């Protein structure tokens, strides 16, 4: 058995909302509906998490994306109550994404970060 196989009384399940976009600006996140659901203990976004930048080799990661998503799967929000994840509304403004290394290093290629 693995740790994730155990279910204990009162145990919470946390889920992460991941971006479906490769590069986008986050215009708005509305967690109201998710927060109001029965059994929800917490809903968090980049505005709730410390603005700490970390990484193993390159220090360029945040706990949750704040204003900009940098890759498909980037963490946008989290919830401590599994079924509430679908009730978090995110409005994105897709930005140009460069998906090829050779294109990314060319003069005038869009930068990965706006800041």
PDB file of N, CA and C in Angstrom:
ATOM      1  N   UNK A   1       0.842  -1.194   0.000  1.00  0.00           N
ATOM      2  CA  UNK A   1       0.000   0.000   0.000  1.00  0.00           C
ATOM      3  C   UNK A   1       0.879   1.246   0.000  1.00  0.00           C
ATOM      4  N   UNK A   2       0.360   2.283  -0.599  1.00  0.00           N
ATOM      5  CA  UNK A   2       1.035   3.565  -0.652  1.00  0.00           C
ATOM      6  C   UNK A   2       0.272   4.559   0.218  1.00  0.00           C
ATOM      7  N   UNK A   3       0.899   5.664   0.541  1.00  0.00           N
ATOM      8  CA  UNK A   3       0.260   6.687   1.366  1.00  0.00           C
ATOM      9  C   UNK A   3      -1.066   7.156   0.791  1.00  0.00           C
ATOM     10  N   UNK A   4      -1.169   7.255  -0.517  1.00  0.00           N
ATOM     11  CA  UNK A   4      -2.407   7.734  -1.150  1.00  0.00           C
ATOM     12  C   UNK A   4      -3.520   6.685  -1.119  1.00  0.00           C
ATOM     13  N   UNK A   5      -3.195   5.446  -0.737  1.00  0.00           N
ATOM     14  CA  UNK A   5      -4.206   4.391  -0.631  1.00  0.00           C
ATOM     15  C   UNK A   5      -4.987   4.453   0.680  1.00  0.00           C
ATOM     16  N   UNK A   6      -4.479   5.173   1.657  1.00  0.00           N
ATOM     17  CA  UNK A   6      -5.120   5.235   2.963  1.00  0.00           C
ATOM     18  C   UNK A   6      -6.220   6.295   2.992  1.00  0.00           C
ATOM     19  N   UNK A   7      -7.327   5.974   3.623  1.00  0.00           N
ATOM     20  CA  UNK A   7      -8.411   6.915   3.859  1.00  0.00           C
ATOM     21  C   UNK A   7      -8.715   6.865   5.349  1.00  0.00           C
ATOM     22  N   UNK A   8      -8.549   7.997   6.010  1.00  0.00           N
ATOM     23  CA  UNK A   8      -8.770   8.086   7.444  1.00  0.00           C
ATOM     24  C   UNK A   8      -9.965   8.976   7.736  1.00  0.00           C
ATOM     25  N   UNK A   9     -10.623   8.790   8.872  1.00  0.00           N
ATOM     26  CA  UNK A   9     -11.758   9.648   9.226  1.00  0.00           C
ATOM     27  C   UNK A   9     -11.339  11.119   9.283  1.00  0.00           C
ATOM     28  N   UNK A  10     -12.157  11.987   8.687  1.00  0.00           N
ATOM     29  CA  UNK A  10     -11.886  13.427   8.711  1.00  0.00           C
ATOM     30  C   UNK A  10     -10.800  13.880   7.752  1.00  0.00           C
ATOM     31  N   UNK A  11     -10.316  12.969   6.926  1.00  0.00           N
ATOM     32  CA  UNK A  11      -9.216  13.300   6.009  1.00  0.00           C
ATOM     33  C   UNK A  11      -9.698  14.240   4.898  1.00  0.00           C
ATOM     34  N   UNK A  12      -8.894  15.247   4.572  1.00  0.00           N
ATOM     35  CA  UNK A  12      -9.208  16.176   3.491  1.00  0.00           C
ATOM     36  C   UNK A  12      -8.520  15.735   2.207  1.00  0.00           C
ATOM     37  N   UNK A  13      -9.122  16.069   1.089  1.00  0.00           N
ATOM     38  CA  UNK A  13      -8.514  15.817  -0.213  1.00  0.00           C
ATOM     39  C   UNK A  13      -8.261  17.168  -0.860  1.00  0.00           C
ATOM     40  N   UNK A  14      -7.039  17.407  -1.257  1.00  0.00           N
ATOM     41  CA  UNK A  14      -6.695  18.657  -1.930  1.00  0.00           C
ATOM     42  C   UNK A  14      -6.540  18.383  -3.422  1.00  0.00           C
ATOM     43  N   UNK A  15      -6.985  19.325  -4.216  1.00  0.00           N
ATOM     44  CA  UNK A  15      -6.864  19.234  -5.666  1.00  0.00           C
ATOM     45  C   UNK A  15      -6.306  20.551  -6.191  1.00  0.00           C
ATOM     46  N   UNK A  16      -5.566  20.469  -7.282  1.00  0.00           N
ATOM     47  CA  UNK A  16      -4.956  21.645  -7.905  1.00  0.00           C
ATOM     48  C   UNK A  16      -5.607  21.873  -9.267  1.00  0.00           C
ATOM     49  N   UNK A  17      -5.960  23.132  -9.540  1.00  0.00           N
ATOM     50  CA  UNK A  17      -6.474  23.528 -10.854  1.00  0.00           C
ATOM     51  C   UNK A  17      -5.278  23.934 -11.711  1.00  0.00           C
ATOM     52  N   UNK A  18      -5.096  23.259 -12.833  1.00  0.00           N
ATOM     53  CA  UNK A  18      -3.970  23.504 -13.731  1.00  0.00           C
ATOM     54  C   UNK A  18      -4.428  24.273 -14.960  1.00  0.00           C
ATOM     55  N   UNK A  19      -3.566  25.115 -15.480  1.00  0.00           N
ATOM     56  CA  UNK A  19      -3.885  25.888 -16.679  1.00  0.00           C
ATOM     57  C   UNK A  19      -3.944  24.990 -17.908  1.00  0.00           C
ATOM     58  N   UNK A  20      -4.947  25.200 -18.766  1.00  0.00           N
ATOM     59  CA  UNK A  20      -4.994  24.471 -20.029  1.00  0.00           C
ATOM     60  C   UNK A  20      -4.214  25.189 -21.141  1.00  0.00           C
ATOM     61  N   UNK A  21      -3.628  26.340 -20.823  1.00  0.00           N
ATOM     62  CA  UNK A  21      -2.944  27.174 -21.821  1.00  0.00           C
ATOM     63  C   UNK A  21      -1.431  27.158 -21.624  1.00  0.00           C
ATOM     64  N   UNK A  22      -0.705  27.307 -22.733  1.00  0.00           N
ATOM     65  CA  UNK A  22       0.759  27.337 -22.681  1.00  0.00           C
ATOM     66  C   UNK A  22       1.288  28.673 -22.188  1.00  0.00           C
ATOM     67  N   UNK A  23       0.605  29.744 -22.519  1.00  0.00           N
ATOM     68  CA  UNK A  23       1.050  31.083 -22.104  1.00  0.00           C
ATOM     69  C   UNK A  23      -0.182  31.975 -22.095  1.00  0.00           C
ATOM     70  N   UNK A  24      -0.505  32.532 -20.957  1.00  0.00           N
ATOM     71  CA  UNK A  24      -1.705  33.353 -20.865  1.00  0.00           C
ATOM     72  C   UNK A  24      -1.636  34.293 -19.671  1.00  0.00           C
ATOM     73  N   UNK A  25      -2.372  35.353 -19.774  1.00  0.00           N
ATOM     74  CA  UNK A  25      -2.525  36.285 -18.661  1.00  0.00           C
ATOM     75  C   UNK A  25      -3.785  35.870 -17.911  1.00  0.00           C
ATOM     76  N   UNK A  26      -3.728  35.865 -16.591  1.00  0.00           N
ATOM     77  CA  UNK A  26      -4.914  35.581 -15.788  1.00  0.00           C
ATOM     78  C   UNK A  26      -5.622  36.907 -15.572  1.00  0.00           C
ATOM     79  N   UNK A  27      -6.796  37.036 -16.138  1.00  0.00           N
ATOM     80  CA  UNK A  27      -7.558  38.278 -16.012  1.00  0.00           C
ATOM     81  C   UNK A  27      -8.385  38.293 -14.730  1.00  0.00           C
ATOM     82  N   UNK A  28      -8.919  37.119 -14.354  1.00  0.00           N
ATOM     83  CA  UNK A  28      -9.799  37.067 -13.190  1.00  0.00           C
ATOM     84  C   UNK A  28      -9.902  35.626 -12.704  1.00  0.00           C
ATOM     85  N   UNK A  29      -9.942  35.460 -11.385  1.00  0.00           N
ATOM     86  CA  UNK A  29     -10.236  34.160 -10.783  1.00  0.00           C
ATOM     87  C   UNK A  29     -11.357  34.382  -9.782  1.00  0.00           C
ATOM     88  N   UNK A  30     -12.443  33.659  -9.962  1.00  0.00           N
ATOM     89  CA  UNK A  30     -13.586  33.774  -9.051  1.00  0.00           C
ATOM     90  C   UNK A  30     -13.748  32.444  -8.312  1.00  0.00           C
ATOM     91  N   UNK A  31     -13.469  32.465  -7.030  1.00  0.00           N
ATOM     92  CA  UNK A  31     -13.560  31.258  -6.213  1.00  0.00           C
ATOM     93  C   UNK A  31     -14.832  31.235  -5.362  1.00  0.00           C
ATOM     94  N   UNK A  32     -15.728  32.192  -5.575  1.00  0.00           N
ATOM     95  CA  UNK A  32     -16.926  32.338  -4.741  1.00  0.00           C
ATOM     96  C   UNK A  32     -17.746  31.057  -4.667  1.00  0.00           C
ATOM     97  N   UNK A  33     -18.097  30.477  -5.799  1.00  0.00           N
ATOM     98  CA  UNK A  33     -18.939  29.279  -5.811  1.00  0.00           C
ATOM     99  C   UNK A  33     -18.244  28.110  -5.126  1.00  0.00           C
ATOM    100  N   UNK A  34     -16.950  27.943  -5.363  1.00  0.00           N
ATOM    101  CA  UNK A  34     -16.203  26.851  -4.733  1.00  0.00           C
ATOM    102  C   UNK A  34     -16.135  27.039  -3.220  1.00  0.00           C
ATOM    103  N   UNK A  35     -15.924  28.273  -2.780  1.00  0.00           N
ATOM    104  CA  UNK A  35     -15.813  28.568  -1.349  1.00  0.00           C
ATOM    105  C   UNK A  35     -17.114  28.277  -0.618  1.00  0.00           C
ATOM    106  N   UNK A  36     -18.234  28.464  -1.280  1.00  0.00           N
ATOM    107  CA  UNK A  36     -19.550  28.280  -0.650  1.00  0.00           C
ATOM    108  C   UNK A  36     -20.025  26.835  -0.610  1.00  0.00           C
ATOM    109  N   UNK A  37     -19.321  25.938  -1.247  1.00  0.00           N
ATOM    110  CA  UNK A  37     -19.754  24.540  -1.277  1.00  0.00           C
ATOM    111  C   UNK A  37     -19.587  23.874   0.091  1.00  0.00           C
ATOM    112  N   UNK A  38     -20.524  23.001   0.455  1.00  0.00           N
ATOM    113  CA  UNK A  38     -20.396  22.292   1.734  1.00  0.00           C
ATOM    114  C   UNK A  38     -19.120  21.451   1.762  1.00  0.00           C
ATOM    115  N   UNK A  39     -18.445  21.462   2.884  1.00  0.00           N
ATOM    116  CA  UNK A  39     -17.245  20.648   3.057  1.00  0.00           C
ATOM    117  C   UNK A  39     -15.959  21.291   2.581  1.00  0.00           C
ATOM    118  N   UNK A  40     -16.039  22.470   1.985  1.00  0.00           N
ATOM    119  CA  UNK A  40     -14.829  23.145   1.516  1.00  0.00           C
ATOM    120  C   UNK A  40     -14.157  23.827   2.713  1.00  0.00           C
ATOM    121  N   UNK A  41     -12.916  23.495   2.924  1.00  0.00           N
ATOM    122  CA  UNK A  41     -12.155  24.073   4.033  1.00  0.00           C
ATOM    123  C   UNK A  41     -11.349  25.280   3.557  1.00  0.00           C
ATOM    124  N   UNK A  42     -10.792  25.198   2.343  1.00  0.00           N
ATOM    125  CA  UNK A  42      -9.972  26.296   1.839  1.00  0.00           C
ATOM    126  C   UNK A  42      -9.934  26.279   0.315  1.00  0.00           C
ATOM    127  N   UNK A  43      -9.855  27.475  -0.262  1.00  0.00           N
ATOM    128  CA  UNK A  43      -9.611  27.664  -1.688  1.00  0.00           C
ATOM    129  C   UNK A  43      -8.492  28.696  -1.771  1.00  0.00           C
ATOM    130  N   UNK A  44      -7.423  28.378  -2.484  1.00  0.00           N
ATOM    131  CA  UNK A  44      -6.276  29.286  -2.554  1.00  0.00           C
ATOM    132  C   UNK A  44      -5.879  29.560  -4.000  1.00  0.00           C
ATOM    133  N   UNK A  45      -5.371  30.773  -4.218  1.00  0.00           N
ATOM    134  CA  UNK A  45      -4.837  31.190  -5.521  1.00  0.00           C
ATOM    135  C   UNK A  45      -3.480  31.836  -5.274  1.00  0.00           C
ATOM    136  N   UNK A  46      -2.889  32.356  -6.314  1.00  0.00           N
ATOM    137  CA  UNK A  46      -1.608  33.037  -6.180  1.00  0.00           C
ATOM    138  C   UNK A  46      -1.661  34.237  -5.255  1.00  0.00           C
ATOM    139  N   UNK A  47      -2.821  34.867  -5.142  1.00  0.00           N
ATOM    140  CA  UNK A  47      -2.969  36.030  -4.255  1.00  0.00           C
ATOM    141  C   UNK A  47      -2.926  35.620  -2.779  1.00  0.00           C
ATOM    142  N   UNK A  48      -3.222  34.344  -2.494  1.00  0.00           N
ATOM    143  CA  UNK A  48      -3.230  33.846  -1.121  1.00  0.00           C
ATOM    144  C   UNK A  48      -1.888  33.247  -0.698  1.00  0.00           C
ATOM    145  N   UNK A  49      -1.094  32.835  -1.654  1.00  0.00           N
ATOM    146  CA  UNK A  49       0.180  32.165  -1.371  1.00  0.00           C
ATOM    147  C   UNK A  49       1.303  33.195  -1.250  1.00  0.00           C
ATOM    148  N   UNK A  50       2.349  32.856  -0.505  1.00  0.00           N
ATOM    149  CA  UNK A  50       3.496  33.772  -0.416  1.00  0.00           C
ATOM    150  C   UNK A  50       4.101  33.988  -1.802  1.00  0.00           C
ATOM    151  N   UNK A  51       4.575  35.189  -2.064  1.00  0.00           N
ATOM    152  CA  UNK A  51       5.202  35.495  -3.358  1.00  0.00           C
ATOM    153  C   UNK A  51       6.660  35.028  -3.320  1.00  0.00           C
ATOM    154  N   UNK A  52       6.821  33.735  -3.136  1.00  0.00           N
ATOM    155  CA  UNK A  52       8.141  33.122  -3.042  1.00  0.00           C
ATOM    156  C   UNK A  52       8.472  32.476  -4.374  1.00  0.00           C
ATOM    157  N   UNK A  53       9.668  32.738  -4.864  1.00  0.00           N
ATOM    158  CA  UNK A  53      10.124  32.119  -6.106  1.00  0.00           C
ATOM    159  C   UNK A  53      11.137  31.046  -5.716  1.00  0.00           C
ATOM    160  N   UNK A  54      10.984  29.852  -6.296  1.00  0.00           N
ATOM    161  CA  UNK A  54      11.859  28.737  -5.938  1.00  0.00           C
ATOM    162  C   UNK A  54      12.148  27.898  -7.171  1.00  0.00           C
ATOM    163  N   UNK A  55      12.999  26.920  -7.025  1.00  0.00           N
ATOM    164  CA  UNK A  55      13.312  26.007  -8.112  1.00  0.00           C
ATOM    165  C   UNK A  55      14.511  25.165  -7.752  1.00  0.00           C
ATOM    166  N   UNK A  56      14.663  24.033  -8.422  1.00  0.00           N
ATOM    167  CA  UNK A  56      15.784  23.139  -8.127  1.00  0.00           C
ATOM    168  C   UNK A  56      17.073  23.662  -8.757  1.00  0.00           C
ATOM    169  N   UNK A  57      17.061  23.867 -10.068  1.00  0.00           N
ATOM    170  CA  UNK A  57      18.245  24.396 -10.748  1.00  0.00           C
ATOM    171  C   UNK A  57      18.071  25.856 -11.136  1.00  0.00           C
ATOM    172  N   UNK A  58      16.852  26.206 -11.537  1.00  0.00           N
ATOM    173  CA  UNK A  58      16.551  27.576 -11.926  1.00  0.00           C
ATOM    174  C   UNK A  58      15.446  28.081 -11.004  1.00  0.00           C
ATOM    175  N   UNK A  59      15.683  29.199 -10.365  1.00  0.00           N
ATOM    176  CA  UNK A  59      14.701  29.769  -9.438  1.00  0.00           C
ATOM    177  C   UNK A  59      13.694  30.594 -10.238  1.00  0.00           C
ATOM    178  N   UNK A  60      12.623  29.912 -10.704  1.00  0.00           N
ATOM    179  CA  UNK A  60      11.638  30.606 -11.539  1.00  0.00           C
ATOM    180  C   UNK A  60      10.214  30.085 -11.337  1.00  0.00           C
ATOM    181  N   UNK A  61       9.961  29.347 -10.270  1.00  0.00           N
ATOM    182  CA  UNK A  61       8.633  28.782 -10.011  1.00  0.00           C
ATOM    183  C   UNK A  61       7.966  29.490  -8.834  1.00  0.00           C
ATOM    184  N   UNK A  62       6.632  29.549  -8.868  1.00  0.00           N
ATOM    185  CA  UNK A  62       5.827  30.048  -7.748  1.00  0.00           C
ATOM    186  C   UNK A  62       4.880  28.924  -7.328  1.00  0.00           C
ATOM    187  N   UNK A  63       4.320  29.028  -6.119  1.00  0.00           N
ATOM    188  CA  UNK A  63       3.358  28.026  -5.661  1.00  0.00           C
ATOM    189  C   UNK A  63       2.142  27.993  -6.587  1.00  0.00           C
ATOM    190  N   UNK A  64       1.617  29.160  -6.926  1.00  0.00           N
ATOM    191  CA  UNK A  64       0.508  29.296  -7.858  1.00  0.00           C
ATOM    192  C   UNK A  64       0.799  30.482  -8.767  1.00  0.00           C
ATOM    193  N   UNK A  65       0.386  30.379 -10.032  1.00  0.00           N
ATOM    194  CA  UNK A  65       0.547  31.499 -10.958  1.00  0.00           C
ATOM    195  C   UNK A  65      -0.215  32.700 -10.413  1.00  0.00           C
ATOM    196  N   UNK A  66       0.344  33.879 -10.582  1.00  0.00           N
ATOM    197  CA  UNK A  66      -0.311  35.085 -10.083  1.00  0.00           C
ATOM    198  C   UNK A  66      -1.030  35.825 -11.203  1.00  0.00           C
ATOM    199  N   UNK A  67      -0.309  36.437 -12.078  1.00  0.00           N
ATOM    200  CA  UNK A  67      -0.904  37.215 -13.171  1.00  0.00           C
ATOM    201  C   UNK A  67      -0.710  36.553 -14.528  1.00  0.00           C
ATOM    202  N   UNK A  68       0.225  35.616 -14.587  1.00  0.00           N
ATOM    203  CA  UNK A  68       0.590  35.032 -15.873  1.00  0.00           C
ATOM    204  C   UNK A  68       0.871  33.539 -15.710  1.00  0.00           C
ATOM    205  N   UNK A  69       0.378  32.753 -16.662  1.00  0.00           N
ATOM    206  CA  UNK A  69       0.639  31.320 -16.724  1.00  0.00           C
ATOM    207  C   UNK A  69       1.764  31.119 -17.722  1.00  0.00           C
ATOM    208  N   UNK A  70       2.728  30.265 -17.387  1.00  0.00           N
ATOM    209  CA  UNK A  70       3.903  30.102 -18.238  1.00  0.00           C
ATOM    210  C   UNK A  70       3.935  28.793 -19.023  1.00  0.00           C
ATOM    211  N   UNK A  71       3.089  27.830 -18.644  1.00  0.00           N
ATOM    212  CA  UNK A  71       3.086  26.557 -19.361  1.00  0.00           C
ATOM    213  C   UNK A  71       1.778  25.804 -19.092  1.00  0.00           C
ATOM    214  N   UNK A  72       1.425  24.905 -19.986  1.00  0.00           N
ATOM    215  CA  UNK A  72       0.258  24.047 -19.779  1.00  0.00           C
ATOM    216  C   UNK A  72       0.516  23.243 -18.511  1.00  0.00           C
ATOM    217  N   UNK A  73      -0.426  23.276 -17.596  1.00  0.00           N
ATOM    218  CA  UNK A  73      -0.261  22.555 -16.339  1.00  0.00           C
ATOM    219  C   UNK A  73       0.204  23.424 -15.197  1.00  0.00           C
ATOM    220  N   UNK A  74       0.552  24.680 -15.466  1.00  0.00           N
ATOM    221  CA  UNK A  74       0.955  25.607 -14.401  1.00  0.00           C
ATOM    222  C   UNK A  74      -0.174  25.663 -13.370  1.00  0.00           C
ATOM    223  N   UNK A  75       0.168  25.663 -12.092  1.00  0.00           N
ATOM    224  CA  UNK A  75      -0.824  25.654 -11.018  1.00  0.00           C
ATOM    225  C   UNK A  75      -1.479  27.023 -10.891  1.00  0.00           C
ATOM    226  N   UNK A  76      -2.814  27.062 -10.941  1.00  0.00           N
ATOM    227  CA  UNK A  76      -3.562  28.316 -10.896  1.00  0.00           C
ATOM    228  C   UNK A  76      -4.291  28.483  -9.561  1.00  0.00           C
ATOM    229  N   UNK A  77      -4.832  27.397  -9.019  1.00  0.00           N
ATOM    230  CA  UNK A  77      -5.573  27.459  -7.759  1.00  0.00           C
ATOM    231  C   UNK A  77      -5.579  26.081  -7.118  1.00  0.00           C
ATOM    232  N   UNK A  78      -5.911  26.064  -5.836  1.00  0.00           N
ATOM    233  CA  UNK A  78      -6.021  24.804  -5.117  1.00  0.00           C
ATOM    234  C   UNK A  78      -7.238  24.832  -4.216  1.00  0.00           C
ATOM    235  N   UNK A  79      -7.743  23.657  -3.917  1.00  0.00           N
ATOM    236  CA  UNK A  79      -8.923  23.573  -3.056  1.00  0.00           C
ATOM    237  C   UNK A  79      -8.797  22.358  -2.146  1.00  0.00           C
ATOM    238  N   UNK A  80      -9.191  22.541  -0.883  1.00  0.00           N
ATOM    239  CA  UNK A  80      -9.231  21.422   0.062  1.00  0.00           C
ATOM    240  C   UNK A  80     -10.673  20.946   0.124  1.00  0.00           C
ATOM    241  N   UNK A  81     -11.086  20.213  -0.852  1.00  0.00           N
ATOM    242  CA  UNK A  81     -12.404  19.586  -1.004  1.00  0.00           C
ATOM    243  C   UNK A  81     -12.528  19.243  -2.472  1.00  0.00           C
ATOM    244  N   UNK A  82     -12.370  18.025  -2.789  1.00  0.00           N
ATOM    245  CA  UNK A  82     -12.219  17.538  -4.162  1.00  0.00           C
ATOM    246  C   UNK A  82     -13.256  18.038  -5.166  1.00  0.00           C
ATOM    247  N   UNK A  83     -14.519  18.022  -4.832  1.00  0.00           N
ATOM    248  CA  UNK A  83     -15.560  18.341  -5.811  1.00  0.00           C
ATOM    249  C   UNK A  83     -15.685  19.826  -6.109  1.00  0.00           C
ATOM    250  N   UNK A  84     -15.073  20.679  -5.341  1.00  0.00           N
ATOM    251  CA  UNK A  84     -15.210  22.120  -5.531  1.00  0.00           C
ATOM    252  C   UNK A  84     -14.327  22.658  -6.651  1.00  0.00           C
ATOM    253  N   UNK A  85     -13.364  21.895  -7.115  1.00  0.00           N
ATOM    254  CA  UNK A  85     -12.419  22.375  -8.129  1.00  0.00           C
ATOM    255  C   UNK A  85     -13.127  22.863  -9.393  1.00  0.00           C
ATOM    256  N   UNK A  86     -14.164  22.188  -9.802  1.00  0.00           N
ATOM    257  CA  UNK A  86     -14.896  22.552 -11.022  1.00  0.00           C
ATOM    258  C   UNK A  86     -15.649  23.868 -10.887  1.00  0.00           C
ATOM    259  N   UNK A  87     -15.789  24.378  -9.665  1.00  0.00           N
ATOM    260  CA  UNK A  87     -16.539  25.609  -9.444  1.00  0.00           C
ATOM    261  C   UNK A  87     -15.650  26.851  -9.384  1.00  0.00           C
ATOM    262  N   UNK A  88     -14.354  26.695  -9.593  1.00  0.00           N
ATOM    263  CA  UNK A  88     -13.449  27.844  -9.669  1.00  0.00           C
ATOM    264  C   UNK A  88     -13.462  28.338 -11.113  1.00  0.00           C
ATOM    265  N   UNK A  89     -13.799  29.605 -11.297  1.00  0.00           N
ATOM    266  CA  UNK A  89     -13.859  30.189 -12.633  1.00  0.00           C
ATOM    267  C   UNK A  89     -12.608  31.031 -12.873  1.00  0.00           C
ATOM    268  N   UNK A  90     -11.942  30.767 -13.984  1.00  0.00           N
ATOM    269  CA  UNK A  90     -10.740  31.531 -14.353  1.00  0.00           C
ATOM    270  C   UNK A  90     -10.960  32.120 -15.730  1.00  0.00           C
ATOM    271  N   UNK A  91     -10.725  33.414 -15.854  1.00  0.00           N
ATOM    272  CA  UNK A  91     -10.803  34.075 -17.161  1.00  0.00           C
ATOM    273  C   UNK A  91      -9.375  34.330 -17.624  1.00  0.00           C
ATOM    274  N   UNK A  92      -9.022  33.741 -18.752  1.00  0.00           N
ATOM    275  CA  UNK A  92      -7.673  33.860 -19.303  1.00  0.00           C
ATOM    276  C   UNK A  92      -7.667  34.785 -20.513  1.00  0.00           C
ATOM    277  N   UNK A  93      -6.520  35.395 -20.747  1.00  0.00           N
ATOM    278  CA  UNK A  93      -6.269  36.137 -21.985  1.00  0.00           C
ATOM    279  C   UNK A  93      -5.060  35.470 -22.636  1.00  0.00           C
ATOM    280  N   UNK A  94      -5.279  34.547 -23.579  1.00  0.00           N
ATOM    281  CA  UNK A  94      -4.159  33.821 -24.177  1.00  0.00           C
ATOM    282  C   UNK A  94      -3.131  34.763 -24.814  1.00  0.00           C
ATOM    283  N   UNK A  95      -1.879  34.431 -24.589  1.00  0.00           N
ATOM    284  CA  UNK A  95      -0.753  35.168 -25.158  1.00  0.00           C
ATOM    285  C   UNK A  95      -0.042  34.255 -26.156  1.00  0.00           C
ATOM    286  N   UNK A  96       0.793  34.848 -26.984  1.00  0.00           N
ATOM    287  CA  UNK A  96       1.540  34.056 -27.954  1.00  0.00           C
ATOM    288  C   UNK A  96       2.489  33.114 -27.214  1.00  0.00           C
ATOM    289  N   UNK A  97       2.451  31.853 -27.576  1.00  0.00           N
ATOM    290  CA  UNK A  97       3.323  30.853 -26.961  1.00  0.00           C
ATOM    291  C   UNK A  97       4.341  30.386 -27.988  1.00  0.00           C
ATOM    292  N   UNK A  98       5.574  30.239 -27.558  1.00  0.00           N
ATOM    293  CA  UNK A  98       6.621  29.709 -28.423  1.00  0.00           C
ATOM    294  C   UNK A  98       6.917  28.305 -27.918  1.00  0.00           C
ATOM    295  N   UNK A  99       6.694  27.320 -28.767  1.00  0.00           N
ATOM    296  CA  UNK A  99       6.801  25.925 -28.350  1.00  0.00           C
ATOM    297  C   UNK A  99       8.020  25.221 -28.927  1.00  0.00           C
ATOM    298  N   UNK A 100       8.910  25.975 -29.535  1.00  0.00           N
ATOM    299  CA  UNK A 100      10.098  25.413 -30.158  1.00  0.00           C
ATOM    300  C   UNK A 100      11.318  26.192 -29.678  1.00  0.00           C
ATOM    301  N   UNK A 101      12.348  25.500 -29.231  1.00  0.00           N
ATOM    302  CA  UNK A 101      13.542  26.147 -28.688  1.00  0.00           C
ATOM    303  C   UNK A 101      14.214  27.045 -29.726  1.00  0.00           C
ATOM    304  N   UNK A 102      14.303  26.585 -30.956  1.00  0.00           N
ATOM    305  CA  UNK A 102      14.952  27.377 -32.005  1.00  0.00           C
ATOM    306  C   UNK A 102      14.194  28.679 -32.252  1.00  0.00           C
ATOM    307  N   UNK A 103      12.864  28.625 -32.207  1.00  0.00           N
ATOM    308  CA  UNK A 103      12.054  29.835 -32.369  1.00  0.00           C
ATOM    309  C   UNK A 103      12.188  30.751 -31.156  1.00  0.00           C
ATOM    310  N   UNK A 104      12.304  30.172 -29.985  1.00  0.00           N
ATOM    311  CA  UNK A 104      12.350  30.948 -28.739  1.00  0.00           C
ATOM    312  C   UNK A 104      13.584  31.830 -28.642  1.00  0.00           C
ATOM    313  N   UNK A 105      14.697  31.418 -29.228  1.00  0.00           N
ATOM    314  CA  UNK A 105      15.930  32.192 -29.115  1.00  0.00           C
ATOM    315  C   UNK A 105      16.092  33.226 -30.225  1.00  0.00           C
ATOM    316  N   UNK A 106      15.161  33.268 -31.156  1.00  0.00           N
ATOM    317  CA  UNK A 106      15.251  34.245 -32.247  1.00  0.00           C
ATOM    318  C   UNK A 106      14.945  35.655 -31.755  1.00  0.00           C
ATOM    319  N   UNK A 107      15.549  36.634 -32.381  1.00  0.00           N
ATOM    320  CA  UNK A 107      15.310  38.043 -32.096  1.00  0.00           C
ATOM    321  C   UNK A 107      13.826  38.352 -32.232  1.00  0.00           C
ATOM    322  N   UNK A 108      13.249  39.011 -31.244  1.00  0.00           N
ATOM    323  CA  UNK A 108      11.853  39.417 -31.290  1.00  0.00           C
ATOM    324  C   UNK A 108      10.861  38.353 -30.834  1.00  0.00           C
ATOM    325  N   UNK A 109      11.352  37.182 -30.450  1.00  0.00           N
ATOM    326  CA  UNK A 109      10.459  36.132 -29.963  1.00  0.00           C
ATOM    327  C   UNK A 109       9.832  36.589 -28.645  1.00  0.00           C
ATOM    328  N   UNK A 110       8.558  36.250 -28.385  1.00  0.00           N
ATOM    329  CA  UNK A 110       7.915  36.690 -27.132  1.00  0.00           C
ATOM    330  C   UNK A 110       8.639  36.138 -25.917  1.00  0.00           C
ATOM    331  N   UNK A 111       8.705  36.948 -24.887  1.00  0.00           N
ATOM    332  CA  UNK A 111       9.342  36.516 -23.649  1.00  0.00           C
ATOM    333  C   UNK A 111       8.382  35.650 -22.847  1.00  0.00           C
ATOM    334  N   UNK A 112       8.944  34.776 -22.037  1.00  0.00           N
ATOM    335  CA  UNK A 112       8.119  33.866 -21.236  1.00  0.00           C
ATOM    336  C   UNK A 112       7.445  34.577 -20.083  1.00  0.00           C
ATOM    337  N   UNK A 113       7.972  35.686 -19.645  1.00  0.00           N
ATOM    338  CA  UNK A 113       7.393  36.427 -18.519  1.00  0.00           C
ATOM    339  C   UNK A 113       7.113  37.864 -18.933  1.00  0.00           C
ATOM    340  N   UNK A 114       6.005  38.406 -18.430  1.00  0.00           N
ATOM    341  CA  UNK A 114       5.665  39.786 -18.710  1.00  0.00           C
ATOM    342  C   UNK A 114       6.402  40.748 -17.785  1.00  0.00           C
ATOM    343  N   UNK A 115       6.756  40.281 -16.577  1.00  0.00           N
ATOM    344  CA  UNK A 115       7.399  41.174 -15.592  1.00  0.00           C
ATOM    345  C   UNK A 115       8.895  41.163 -15.680  1.00  0.00           C
TER     346      UNK A 115
END
